[in-house]
């Protein structure tokens, strides 16, 4: 049985982009506004068999997307808590891949950018899921507007230790050596790296793990855009800033630890961050 269409409850918006007109669709409104096709952006789901409630929420979200209302889905990294290679055979993780394939087959393009937890997703993952792999960063055109997409970790330049780690694990030779190891060994290594990451994060100042303002401004200058969408920091918000006299906007996606989080963009130029799920409030 197909689940209901994905429609977050009224009042779940965490923020809207004030550079555009926000048209409310509150329940009970006398004015019925047409539902325009939307492009959706998500990140930092960290899906794992150890969090069945969020897995269920993801599958309900994916199954509820209507191809007549959703033009595309962008996943900006860390869909998985860990992806250790395209030979991954865990049935829960393969089920996520199949859910993405089902979206594509229903007519919803899915674009996937690797994060710091699923940087080993490669051609095999893309073929199995039907996803289009994006480089980081990637500049897309969205309803006539140039938009810069990133997972976001490259902007956290104050965390020098993390940037060294990122450079290592993104090195093609390092990845080839890792993928040559047995799957079970890669899983053990991933678990070890997660534990080390948690210990390291616990001892860092919060601002150290956020984006560096100069790095953000450099991204706007380099790519000549006025809108940047990213994840990684788990601090959902819409930020306004001025770069070389230009008004710019940085939208940070939310994580899926306690609830779902999605950014909706429509042809009006409206960008809305929404939370949904049992703990969305």
C-alpha atoms as a PDB file:
ATOM      1  CA  UNK A   1       0.000   0.000   0.000  1.00  0.00           C
ATOM      2  CA  UNK A   2       1.394   3.378  -0.968  1.00  0.00           C
ATOM      3  CA  UNK A   3       1.844   5.816   1.884  1.00  0.00           C
ATOM      4  CA  UNK A   4       0.295   9.253   1.999  1.00  0.00           C
ATOM      5  CA  UNK A   5       1.941  12.091   0.154  1.00  0.00           C
ATOM      6  CA  UNK A   6       4.625  13.911   2.061  1.00  0.00           C
ATOM      7  CA  UNK A   7       3.057  17.075   3.486  1.00  0.00           C
ATOM      8  CA  UNK A   8       4.624  18.468   6.669  1.00  0.00           C
ATOM      9  CA  UNK A   9       2.083  19.689   9.173  1.00  0.00           C
ATOM     10  CA  UNK A  10       1.324  23.428   9.172  1.00  0.00           C
ATOM     11  CA  UNK A  11       3.586  25.377  11.453  1.00  0.00           C
ATOM     12  CA  UNK A  12       6.594  23.092  11.096  1.00  0.00           C
ATOM     13  CA  UNK A  13       8.696  25.659   9.224  1.00  0.00           C
ATOM     14  CA  UNK A  14      11.846  26.469  11.161  1.00  0.00           C
ATOM     15  CA  UNK A  15      12.837  29.342   8.897  1.00  0.00           C
ATOM     16  CA  UNK A  16      12.052  30.966   5.576  1.00  0.00           C
ATOM     17  CA  UNK A  17      14.321  32.877   3.259  1.00  0.00           C
ATOM     18  CA  UNK A  18      13.358  36.550   3.527  1.00  0.00           C
ATOM     19  CA  UNK A  19      14.926  37.335   0.175  1.00  0.00           C
ATOM     20  CA  UNK A  20      11.757  35.934  -1.384  1.00  0.00           C
ATOM     21  CA  UNK A  21       8.054  36.132  -0.793  1.00  0.00           C
ATOM     22  CA  UNK A  22       6.736  33.622   1.721  1.00  0.00           C
ATOM     23  CA  UNK A  23       3.246  32.443   0.821  1.00  0.00           C
ATOM     24  CA  UNK A  24       1.659  30.672   3.764  1.00  0.00           C
ATOM     25  CA  UNK A  25      -0.441  27.541   3.355  1.00  0.00           C
ATOM     26  CA  UNK A  26      -1.879  27.414   6.836  1.00  0.00           C
ATOM     27  CA  UNK A  27      -4.820  25.152   7.442  1.00  0.00           C
ATOM     28  CA  UNK A  28      -8.147  26.947   7.405  1.00  0.00           C
ATOM     29  CA  UNK A  29      -6.941  29.721   5.108  1.00  0.00           C
ATOM     30  CA  UNK A  30      -9.671  31.132   2.907  1.00  0.00           C
ATOM     31  CA  UNK A  31      -7.253  31.544   0.015  1.00  0.00           C
ATOM     32  CA  UNK A  32      -6.312  28.294  -1.687  1.00  0.00           C
ATOM     33  CA  UNK A  33      -2.869  28.616  -3.232  1.00  0.00           C
ATOM     34  CA  UNK A  34      -1.714  26.215  -5.944  1.00  0.00           C
ATOM     35  CA  UNK A  35       0.951  23.730  -4.963  1.00  0.00           C
ATOM     36  CA  UNK A  36       3.956  24.443  -7.158  1.00  0.00           C
ATOM     37  CA  UNK A  37       6.475  21.733  -7.962  1.00  0.00           C
ATOM     38  CA  UNK A  38       9.225  21.754  -5.355  1.00  0.00           C
ATOM     39  CA  UNK A  39      12.852  20.788  -5.254  1.00  0.00           C
ATOM     40  CA  UNK A  40      13.871  19.186  -1.971  1.00  0.00           C
ATOM     41  CA  UNK A  41      17.223  19.214  -0.177  1.00  0.00           C
ATOM     42  CA  UNK A  42      18.203  16.944   2.714  1.00  0.00           C
ATOM     43  CA  UNK A  43      21.441  15.941   4.423  1.00  0.00           C
ATOM     44  CA  UNK A  44      22.889  14.341   7.526  1.00  0.00           C
ATOM     45  CA  UNK A  45      20.344  11.564   7.936  1.00  0.00           C
ATOM     46  CA  UNK A  46      23.052   9.216   9.291  1.00  0.00           C
ATOM     47  CA  UNK A  47      20.868   6.201   8.532  1.00  0.00           C
ATOM     48  CA  UNK A  48      21.877   3.006  10.306  1.00  0.00           C
ATOM     49  CA  UNK A  49      20.196  -0.217  11.448  1.00  0.00           C
ATOM     50  CA  UNK A  50      20.779   1.025  15.002  1.00  0.00           C
ATOM     51  CA  UNK A  51      18.180   3.806  14.569  1.00  0.00           C
ATOM     52  CA  UNK A  52      15.066   2.039  13.264  1.00  0.00           C
ATOM     53  CA  UNK A  53      12.713   4.939  14.019  1.00  0.00           C
ATOM     54  CA  UNK A  54      14.621   7.295  11.702  1.00  0.00           C
ATOM     55  CA  UNK A  55      14.879   4.569   9.085  1.00  0.00           C
ATOM     56  CA  UNK A  56      11.108   4.262   9.181  1.00  0.00           C
ATOM     57  CA  UNK A  57      10.764   8.042   8.897  1.00  0.00           C
ATOM     58  CA  UNK A  58      13.057   8.111   5.859  1.00  0.00           C
ATOM     59  CA  UNK A  59      11.145   5.370   4.075  1.00  0.00           C
ATOM     60  CA  UNK A  60       7.831   7.099   4.803  1.00  0.00           C
ATOM     61  CA  UNK A  61       9.293  10.352   3.489  1.00  0.00           C
ATOM     62  CA  UNK A  62      10.589   8.729   0.292  1.00  0.00           C
ATOM     63  CA  UNK A  63       7.437   6.722  -0.388  1.00  0.00           C
ATOM     64  CA  UNK A  64       5.277   9.790   0.164  1.00  0.00           C
ATOM     65  CA  UNK A  65       6.943  11.999  -2.433  1.00  0.00           C
ATOM     66  CA  UNK A  66       4.651  12.707  -5.377  1.00  0.00           C
ATOM     67  CA  UNK A  67       6.379  13.085  -8.777  1.00  0.00           C
ATOM     68  CA  UNK A  68       3.725  15.607  -9.831  1.00  0.00           C
ATOM     69  CA  UNK A  69       4.774  17.843  -6.929  1.00  0.00           C
ATOM     70  CA  UNK A  70       8.508  17.138  -6.528  1.00  0.00           C
ATOM     71  CA  UNK A  71      10.918  18.038  -9.322  1.00  0.00           C
ATOM     72  CA  UNK A  72      13.980  16.549  -7.697  1.00  0.00           C
ATOM     73  CA  UNK A  73      15.669  15.479  -4.475  1.00  0.00           C
ATOM     74  CA  UNK A  74      19.190  16.557  -3.522  1.00  0.00           C
ATOM     75  CA  UNK A  75      20.993  14.614  -0.785  1.00  0.00           C
ATOM     76  CA  UNK A  76      23.973  16.665   0.360  1.00  0.00           C
ATOM     77  CA  UNK A  77      25.996  14.054   2.190  1.00  0.00           C
ATOM     78  CA  UNK A  78      25.849  11.721   5.173  1.00  0.00           C
ATOM     79  CA  UNK A  79      22.772   9.840   4.066  1.00  0.00           C
ATOM     80  CA  UNK A  80      24.369   6.872   5.826  1.00  0.00           C
ATOM     81  CA  UNK A  81      26.025   6.685   9.211  1.00  0.00           C
ATOM     82  CA  UNK A  82      28.685   4.746   7.340  1.00  0.00           C
ATOM     83  CA  UNK A  83      29.069   3.447   3.792  1.00  0.00           C
ATOM     84  CA  UNK A  84      32.186   1.323   3.499  1.00  0.00           C
ATOM     85  CA  UNK A  85      32.011   0.437  -0.173  1.00  0.00           C
ATOM     86  CA  UNK A  86      29.625  -0.355  -2.983  1.00  0.00           C
ATOM     87  CA  UNK A  87      29.852  -4.061  -2.132  1.00  0.00           C
ATOM     88  CA  UNK A  88      27.957  -3.312   1.101  1.00  0.00           C
ATOM     89  CA  UNK A  89      25.426  -6.131   1.568  1.00  0.00           C
ATOM     90  CA  UNK A  90      23.677  -5.161   4.797  1.00  0.00           C
ATOM     91  CA  UNK A  91      19.958  -5.645   4.023  1.00  0.00           C
ATOM     92  CA  UNK A  92      18.949  -2.441   5.796  1.00  0.00           C
ATOM     93  CA  UNK A  93      21.430  -0.332   3.846  1.00  0.00           C
ATOM     94  CA  UNK A  94      20.528  -2.065   0.592  1.00  0.00           C
ATOM     95  CA  UNK A  95      16.910  -1.237   1.383  1.00  0.00           C
ATOM     96  CA  UNK A  96      17.828   2.445   1.455  1.00  0.00           C
ATOM     97  CA  UNK A  97      19.479   2.090  -1.947  1.00  0.00           C
ATOM     98  CA  UNK A  98      16.343   0.398  -3.259  1.00  0.00           C
ATOM     99  CA  UNK A  99      14.208   3.242  -1.888  1.00  0.00           C
ATOM    100  CA  UNK A 100      16.285   5.726  -3.872  1.00  0.00           C
ATOM    101  CA  UNK A 101      15.950   3.576  -6.980  1.00  0.00           C
ATOM    102  CA  UNK A 102      12.173   3.506  -6.491  1.00  0.00           C
ATOM    103  CA  UNK A 103      12.093   7.316  -6.378  1.00  0.00           C
ATOM    104  CA  UNK A 104      14.013   7.563  -9.640  1.00  0.00           C
ATOM    105  CA  UNK A 105      11.794   4.989 -11.311  1.00  0.00           C
ATOM    106  CA  UNK A 106       8.726   6.978 -10.234  1.00  0.00           C
ATOM    107  CA  UNK A 107      10.100   9.997 -12.044  1.00  0.00           C
ATOM    108  CA  UNK A 108      11.870  11.939  -9.262  1.00  0.00           C
ATOM    109  CA  UNK A 109      15.539  12.600 -10.064  1.00  0.00           C
ATOM    110  CA  UNK A 110      17.823  12.031  -7.079  1.00  0.00           C
ATOM    111  CA  UNK A 111      21.177  13.814  -6.830  1.00  0.00           C
ATOM    112  CA  UNK A 112      23.709  12.558  -4.304  1.00  0.00           C
ATOM    113  CA  UNK A 113      26.718  14.356  -2.868  1.00  0.00           C
ATOM    114  CA  UNK A 114      29.158  12.408  -0.727  1.00  0.00           C
ATOM    115  CA  UNK A 115      29.637  13.488   2.891  1.00  0.00           C
ATOM    116  CA  UNK A 116      32.194  12.608   5.519  1.00  0.00           C
ATOM    117  CA  UNK A 117      30.326   9.381   6.373  1.00  0.00           C
ATOM    118  CA  UNK A 118      29.617   8.100   2.860  1.00  0.00           C
ATOM    119  CA  UNK A 119      32.609   9.321   0.860  1.00  0.00           C
ATOM    120  CA  UNK A 120      33.140   5.769  -0.460  1.00  0.00           C
ATOM    121  CA  UNK A 121      29.887   5.808  -2.423  1.00  0.00           C
ATOM    122  CA  UNK A 122      30.950   5.305  -6.016  1.00  0.00           C
ATOM    123  CA  UNK A 123      29.853   4.139  -9.425  1.00  0.00           C
ATOM    124  CA  UNK A 124      28.319   0.929  -8.083  1.00  0.00           C
ATOM    125  CA  UNK A 125      26.178   2.875  -5.635  1.00  0.00           C
ATOM    126  CA  UNK A 126      25.103   5.271  -8.373  1.00  0.00           C
ATOM    127  CA  UNK A 127      24.130   2.438 -10.714  1.00  0.00           C
ATOM    128  CA  UNK A 128      22.218   0.550  -8.024  1.00  0.00           C
ATOM    129  CA  UNK A 129      20.375   3.595  -6.687  1.00  0.00           C
ATOM    130  CA  UNK A 130      19.873   5.483  -9.921  1.00  0.00           C
ATOM    131  CA  UNK A 131      21.328   8.583  -8.267  1.00  0.00           C
ATOM    132  CA  UNK A 132      23.313  11.216 -10.093  1.00  0.00           C
ATOM    133  CA  UNK A 133      26.573  11.753  -8.207  1.00  0.00           C
ATOM    134  CA  UNK A 134      27.562  15.352  -7.519  1.00  0.00           C
ATOM    135  CA  UNK A 135      31.037  16.658  -6.864  1.00  0.00           C
ATOM    136  CA  UNK A 136      31.575  18.884  -3.837  1.00  0.00           C
ATOM    137  CA  UNK A 137      31.026  21.747  -4.375  1.00  0.00           C
ATOM    138  CA  UNK A 138      28.519  21.759  -7.212  1.00  0.00           C
ATOM    139  CA  UNK A 139      26.815  24.722  -8.842  1.00  0.00           C
ATOM    140  CA  UNK A 140      23.312  24.083 -10.164  1.00  0.00           C
ATOM    141  CA  UNK A 141      20.627  26.203 -11.806  1.00  0.00           C
ATOM    142  CA  UNK A 142      17.418  26.260  -9.808  1.00  0.00           C
ATOM    143  CA  UNK A 143      14.489  28.039 -11.448  1.00  0.00           C
ATOM    144  CA  UNK A 144      16.874  30.359 -13.262  1.00  0.00           C
ATOM    145  CA  UNK A 145      19.058  31.021 -10.234  1.00  0.00           C
ATOM    146  CA  UNK A 146      22.617  29.797  -9.729  1.00  0.00           C
ATOM    147  CA  UNK A 147      22.910  27.924  -6.437  1.00  0.00           C
ATOM    148  CA  UNK A 148      26.055  26.518  -4.854  1.00  0.00           C
ATOM    149  CA  UNK A 149      25.728  23.163  -3.089  1.00  0.00           C
ATOM    150  CA  UNK A 150      28.189  21.610  -0.654  1.00  0.00           C
ATOM    151  CA  UNK A 151      28.198  19.042   2.101  1.00  0.00           C
ATOM    152  CA  UNK A 152      29.722  21.812   4.180  1.00  0.00           C
ATOM    153  CA  UNK A 153      32.724  20.237   5.848  1.00  0.00           C
ATOM    154  CA  UNK A 154      35.193  22.013   3.557  1.00  0.00           C
ATOM    155  CA  UNK A 155      33.936  25.298   5.027  1.00  0.00           C
ATOM    156  CA  UNK A 156      34.932  24.287   8.574  1.00  0.00           C
ATOM    157  CA  UNK A 157      38.514  25.359   8.066  1.00  0.00           C
ATOM    158  CA  UNK A 158      39.154  26.254  11.712  1.00  0.00           C
ATOM    159  CA  UNK A 159      39.131  22.541  12.546  1.00  0.00           C
ATOM    160  CA  UNK A 160      42.592  21.841  11.195  1.00  0.00           C
ATOM    161  CA  UNK A 161      42.720  18.260  12.494  1.00  0.00           C
ATOM    162  CA  UNK A 162      39.481  17.405  10.706  1.00  0.00           C
ATOM    163  CA  UNK A 163      40.692  18.966   7.454  1.00  0.00           C
ATOM    164  CA  UNK A 164      43.818  16.775   7.607  1.00  0.00           C
ATOM    165  CA  UNK A 165      41.609  13.724   8.128  1.00  0.00           C
ATOM    166  CA  UNK A 166      39.353  14.737   5.242  1.00  0.00           C
ATOM    167  CA  UNK A 167      42.300  15.169   2.902  1.00  0.00           C
ATOM    168  CA  UNK A 168      43.519  11.681   3.807  1.00  0.00           C
ATOM    169  CA  UNK A 169      40.235   9.826   3.327  1.00  0.00           C
ATOM    170  CA  UNK A 170      39.456  11.654   0.077  1.00  0.00           C
ATOM    171  CA  UNK A 171      42.790  10.646  -1.430  1.00  0.00           C
ATOM    172  CA  UNK A 172      42.120   8.157  -4.277  1.00  0.00           C
ATOM    173  CA  UNK A 173      45.121   5.986  -3.389  1.00  0.00           C
ATOM    174  CA  UNK A 174      44.007   5.766   0.254  1.00  0.00           C
ATOM    175  CA  UNK A 175      40.504   4.815  -0.852  1.00  0.00           C
ATOM    176  CA  UNK A 176      41.754   2.128  -3.232  1.00  0.00           C
ATOM    177  CA  UNK A 177      43.830   0.585  -0.453  1.00  0.00           C
ATOM    178  CA  UNK A 178      40.871   0.622   1.922  1.00  0.00           C
ATOM    179  CA  UNK A 179      38.456  -0.877  -0.609  1.00  0.00           C
ATOM    180  CA  UNK A 180      40.908  -3.715  -1.220  1.00  0.00           C
ATOM    181  CA  UNK A 181      40.344  -4.899   2.347  1.00  0.00           C
ATOM    182  CA  UNK A 182      37.562  -7.372   3.223  1.00  0.00           C
ATOM    183  CA  UNK A 183      34.129  -5.892   3.893  1.00  0.00           C
ATOM    184  CA  UNK A 184      34.110  -7.027   7.525  1.00  0.00           C
ATOM    185  CA  UNK A 185      37.447  -5.321   8.152  1.00  0.00           C
ATOM    186  CA  UNK A 186      36.169  -2.089   6.598  1.00  0.00           C
ATOM    187  CA  UNK A 187      33.122  -2.192   8.853  1.00  0.00           C
ATOM    188  CA  UNK A 188      35.323  -2.565  11.926  1.00  0.00           C
ATOM    189  CA  UNK A 189      37.486   0.331  10.788  1.00  0.00           C
ATOM    190  CA  UNK A 190      34.408   2.516  10.200  1.00  0.00           C
ATOM    191  CA  UNK A 191      33.163   1.773  13.715  1.00  0.00           C
ATOM    192  CA  UNK A 192      36.587   2.627  15.110  1.00  0.00           C
ATOM    193  CA  UNK A 193      36.689   5.912  13.194  1.00  0.00           C
ATOM    194  CA  UNK A 194      33.215   6.846  14.463  1.00  0.00           C
ATOM    195  CA  UNK A 195      34.294   6.251  18.061  1.00  0.00           C
ATOM    196  CA  UNK A 196      37.419   8.334  17.562  1.00  0.00           C
ATOM    197  CA  UNK A 197      35.348  11.082  15.940  1.00  0.00           C
ATOM    198  CA  UNK A 198      32.927  11.162  18.874  1.00  0.00           C
ATOM    199  CA  UNK A 199      35.774  11.430  21.370  1.00  0.00           C
ATOM    200  CA  UNK A 200      37.435  14.153  19.349  1.00  0.00           C
ATOM    201  CA  UNK A 201      34.211  16.118  18.885  1.00  0.00           C
ATOM    202  CA  UNK A 202      33.426  16.001  22.606  1.00  0.00           C
ATOM    203  CA  UNK A 203      36.614  17.895  23.363  1.00  0.00           C
ATOM    204  CA  UNK A 204      36.246  20.626  20.747  1.00  0.00           C
ATOM    205  CA  UNK A 205      34.719  24.056  21.136  1.00  0.00           C
ATOM    206  CA  UNK A 206      31.395  24.265  19.224  1.00  0.00           C
ATOM    207  CA  UNK A 207      32.536  27.242  17.154  1.00  0.00           C
ATOM    208  CA  UNK A 208      35.559  25.243  15.990  1.00  0.00           C
ATOM    209  CA  UNK A 209      33.238  22.808  14.227  1.00  0.00           C
ATOM    210  CA  UNK A 210      31.150  25.493  12.526  1.00  0.00           C
ATOM    211  CA  UNK A 211      31.893  27.131   9.184  1.00  0.00           C
ATOM    212  CA  UNK A 212      34.602  29.748   8.931  1.00  0.00           C
ATOM    213  CA  UNK A 213      33.157  33.106   7.775  1.00  0.00           C
ATOM    214  CA  UNK A 214      36.115  33.802   5.500  1.00  0.00           C
ATOM    215  CA  UNK A 215      35.738  30.382   3.858  1.00  0.00           C
ATOM    216  CA  UNK A 216      32.047  31.068   3.259  1.00  0.00           C
ATOM    217  CA  UNK A 217      32.769  34.456   1.693  1.00  0.00           C
ATOM    218  CA  UNK A 218      35.470  32.895  -0.485  1.00  0.00           C
ATOM    219  CA  UNK A 219      32.970  30.328  -1.771  1.00  0.00           C
ATOM    220  CA  UNK A 220      30.549  33.073  -2.789  1.00  0.00           C
ATOM    221  CA  UNK A 221      33.323  35.000  -4.542  1.00  0.00           C
ATOM    222  CA  UNK A 222      34.788  31.993  -6.330  1.00  0.00           C
ATOM    223  CA  UNK A 223      31.487  30.773  -7.744  1.00  0.00           C
ATOM    224  CA  UNK A 224      29.751  34.113  -8.247  1.00  0.00           C
ATOM    225  CA  UNK A 225      26.488  33.018  -6.621  1.00  0.00           C
ATOM    226  CA  UNK A 226      24.273  34.622  -3.994  1.00  0.00           C
ATOM    227  CA  UNK A 227      22.873  31.415  -2.489  1.00  0.00           C
ATOM    228  CA  UNK A 228      24.736  28.556  -0.788  1.00  0.00           C
ATOM    229  CA  UNK A 229      23.044  25.427   0.569  1.00  0.00           C
ATOM    230  CA  UNK A 230      24.983  22.994   2.759  1.00  0.00           C
ATOM    231  CA  UNK A 231      24.734  20.564   5.651  1.00  0.00           C
ATOM    232  CA  UNK A 232      27.316  18.938   7.966  1.00  0.00           C
ATOM    233  CA  UNK A 233      27.089  21.320  10.932  1.00  0.00           C
ATOM    234  CA  UNK A 234      23.617  20.162  12.061  1.00  0.00           C
ATOM    235  CA  UNK A 235      22.640  23.800  12.707  1.00  0.00           C
ATOM    236  CA  UNK A 236      19.619  24.426  10.463  1.00  0.00           C
ATOM    237  CA  UNK A 237      19.132  28.103   9.730  1.00  0.00           C
ATOM    238  CA  UNK A 238      18.932  30.712   6.991  1.00  0.00           C
ATOM    239  CA  UNK A 239      21.733  33.272   7.236  1.00  0.00           C
ATOM    240  CA  UNK A 240      21.918  36.601   5.426  1.00  0.00           C
ATOM    241  CA  UNK A 241      25.296  38.169   4.748  1.00  0.00           C
ATOM    242  CA  UNK A 242      26.901  40.767   2.521  1.00  0.00           C
ATOM    243  CA  UNK A 243      29.855  39.816   0.333  1.00  0.00           C
ATOM    244  CA  UNK A 244      31.568  42.590  -1.624  1.00  0.00           C
ATOM    245  CA  UNK A 245      28.399  44.648  -1.481  1.00  0.00           C
ATOM    246  CA  UNK A 246      26.164  41.780  -2.636  1.00  0.00           C
ATOM    247  CA  UNK A 247      23.353  40.417  -0.493  1.00  0.00           C
ATOM    248  CA  UNK A 248      23.896  36.661  -0.125  1.00  0.00           C
ATOM    249  CA  UNK A 249      22.141  33.825   1.640  1.00  0.00           C
ATOM    250  CA  UNK A 250      23.476  30.675   3.300  1.00  0.00           C
ATOM    251  CA  UNK A 251      20.955  27.948   4.080  1.00  0.00           C
ATOM    252  CA  UNK A 252      22.073  25.216   6.479  1.00  0.00           C
ATOM    253  CA  UNK A 253      20.209  21.912   6.363  1.00  0.00           C
ATOM    254  CA  UNK A 254      19.171  20.066   9.506  1.00  0.00           C
ATOM    255  CA  UNK A 255      20.112  16.587  10.683  1.00  0.00           C
ATOM    256  CA  UNK A 256      17.739  13.658  11.182  1.00  0.00           C
ATOM    257  CA  UNK A 257      18.740  12.580  14.676  1.00  0.00           C
ATOM    258  CA  UNK A 258      15.418  13.324  16.405  1.00  0.00           C
ATOM    259  CA  UNK A 259      13.189  14.256  13.462  1.00  0.00           C
ATOM    260  CA  UNK A 260      13.156  14.767   9.735  1.00  0.00           C
ATOM    261  CA  UNK A 261      14.412  17.994   8.173  1.00  0.00           C
ATOM    262  CA  UNK A 262      13.959  19.199   4.606  1.00  0.00           C
ATOM    263  CA  UNK A 263      14.482  22.368   2.607  1.00  0.00           C
ATOM    264  CA  UNK A 264      11.769  23.056   0.040  1.00  0.00           C
ATOM    265  CA  UNK A 265      12.357  25.373  -2.923  1.00  0.00           C
ATOM    266  CA  UNK A 266       9.682  26.292  -5.468  1.00  0.00           C
ATOM    267  CA  UNK A 267       9.472  28.290  -8.685  1.00  0.00           C
ATOM    268  CA  UNK A 268       8.402  31.422  -6.811  1.00  0.00           C
ATOM    269  CA  UNK A 269      11.875  31.569  -5.332  1.00  0.00           C
ATOM    270  CA  UNK A 270      10.611  30.523  -1.919  1.00  0.00           C
ATOM    271  CA  UNK A 271      12.958  28.513   0.315  1.00  0.00           C
ATOM    272  CA  UNK A 272      11.469  26.963   3.441  1.00  0.00           C
ATOM    273  CA  UNK A 273      13.191  24.802   6.056  1.00  0.00           C
ATOM    274  CA  UNK A 274      10.792  22.325   7.607  1.00  0.00           C
ATOM    275  CA  UNK A 275      10.961  19.799  10.411  1.00  0.00           C
ATOM    276  CA  UNK A 276       8.673  16.801  10.527  1.00  0.00           C
ATOM    277  CA  UNK A 277       8.244  13.600  12.482  1.00  0.00           C
ATOM    278  CA  UNK A 278       7.299  12.628  16.009  1.00  0.00           C
ATOM    279  CA  UNK A 279       9.657  15.069  17.727  1.00  0.00           C
ATOM    280  CA  UNK A 280       9.267  18.009  15.342  1.00  0.00           C
ATOM    281  CA  UNK A 281       7.085  19.967  17.743  1.00  0.00           C
END
